[in-house]
Amino acid sequence: MLIFTRRQFDPGLPTHFQDYANSPRFRRIYLDELPIEVAGRR
């Protein structure tokens, strides 16, 4: 799991991790794109 505050800060996946790109265990999370219910914003 990779967590970034915004998509613009995602530098992309390094070459040596490309095998994991399509894995269901690999996920990128962008905090500014979380649903309001999850993020806890008011």
C-alpha atoms as a PDB file:
ATOM      1  CA  MET A   1       0.000   0.000   0.000  1.00  0.00           C
ATOM      2  CA  LEU A   2       1.272   3.418  -0.963  1.00  0.00           C
ATOM      3  CA  ILE A   3      -0.305   6.492   0.590  1.00  0.00           C
ATOM      4  CA  PHE A   4       0.049   9.953  -0.913  1.00  0.00           C
ATOM      5  CA  THR A   5      -1.611  13.186   0.140  1.00  0.00           C
ATOM      6  CA  ARG A   6      -2.368  13.970  -3.523  1.00  0.00           C
ATOM      7  CA  ARG A   7      -2.107  12.157  -6.849  1.00  0.00           C
ATOM      8  CA  GLN A   8       0.358  14.811  -8.078  1.00  0.00           C
ATOM      9  CA  PHE A   9       2.897  13.587  -5.499  1.00  0.00           C
ATOM     10  CA  ASP A  10       2.850   9.991  -6.801  1.00  0.00           C
ATOM     11  CA  PRO A  11       6.206   9.555  -8.571  1.00  0.00           C
ATOM     12  CA  GLY A  12       5.095   6.328 -10.207  1.00  0.00           C
ATOM     13  CA  LEU A  13       6.116   2.775  -9.478  1.00  0.00           C
ATOM     14  CA  PRO A  14       9.861   2.076  -9.596  1.00  0.00           C
ATOM     15  CA  THR A  15      10.907  -0.456 -12.228  1.00  0.00           C
ATOM     16  CA  HIS A  16      11.880  -3.103  -9.690  1.00  0.00           C
ATOM     17  CA  PHE A  17       8.296  -3.115  -8.307  1.00  0.00           C
ATOM     18  CA  GLN A  18       6.471  -3.361 -11.653  1.00  0.00           C
ATOM     19  CA  ASP A  19       5.638  -7.031 -11.009  1.00  0.00           C
ATOM     20  CA  TYR A  20       3.363  -5.882  -8.185  1.00  0.00           C
ATOM     21  CA  ALA A  21       1.473  -3.290 -10.223  1.00  0.00           C
ATOM     22  CA  ASN A  22      -1.411  -5.640 -11.097  1.00  0.00           C
ATOM     23  CA  SER A  23      -1.478  -7.456  -7.779  1.00  0.00           C
ATOM     24  CA  PRO A  24      -4.695  -7.215  -5.730  1.00  0.00           C
ATOM     25  CA  ARG A  25      -2.420  -6.682  -2.728  1.00  0.00           C
ATOM     26  CA  PHE A  26      -0.994  -3.476  -4.209  1.00  0.00           C
ATOM     27  CA  ARG A  27      -2.969  -0.298  -3.814  1.00  0.00           C
ATOM     28  CA  ARG A  28      -2.362   3.414  -4.064  1.00  0.00           C
ATOM     29  CA  ILE A  29      -4.365   5.679  -1.792  1.00  0.00           C
ATOM     30  CA  TYR A  30      -4.682   9.409  -2.313  1.00  0.00           C
ATOM     31  CA  LEU A  31      -5.904  11.108   0.843  1.00  0.00           C
ATOM     32  CA  ASP A  32      -7.506  14.029  -0.976  1.00  0.00           C
ATOM     33  CA  GLU A  33      -9.638  11.572  -3.014  1.00  0.00           C
ATOM     34  CA  LEU A  34     -11.069   9.634  -0.074  1.00  0.00           C
ATOM     35  CA  PRO A  35     -14.843   9.848   0.348  1.00  0.00           C
ATOM     36  CA  ILE A  36     -15.920  12.353   2.981  1.00  0.00           C
ATOM     37  CA  GLU A  37     -17.273   9.531   5.163  1.00  0.00           C
ATOM     38  CA  VAL A  38     -13.845   7.885   5.251  1.00  0.00           C
ATOM     39  CA  ALA A  39     -11.776  11.043   5.511  1.00  0.00           C
ATOM     40  CA  GLY A  40     -13.813  12.423   8.397  1.00  0.00           C
ATOM     41  CA  ARG A  41     -14.072  15.905   6.907  1.00  0.00           C
ATOM     42  CA  ARG A  42     -16.928  18.162   7.935  1.00  0.00           C
END
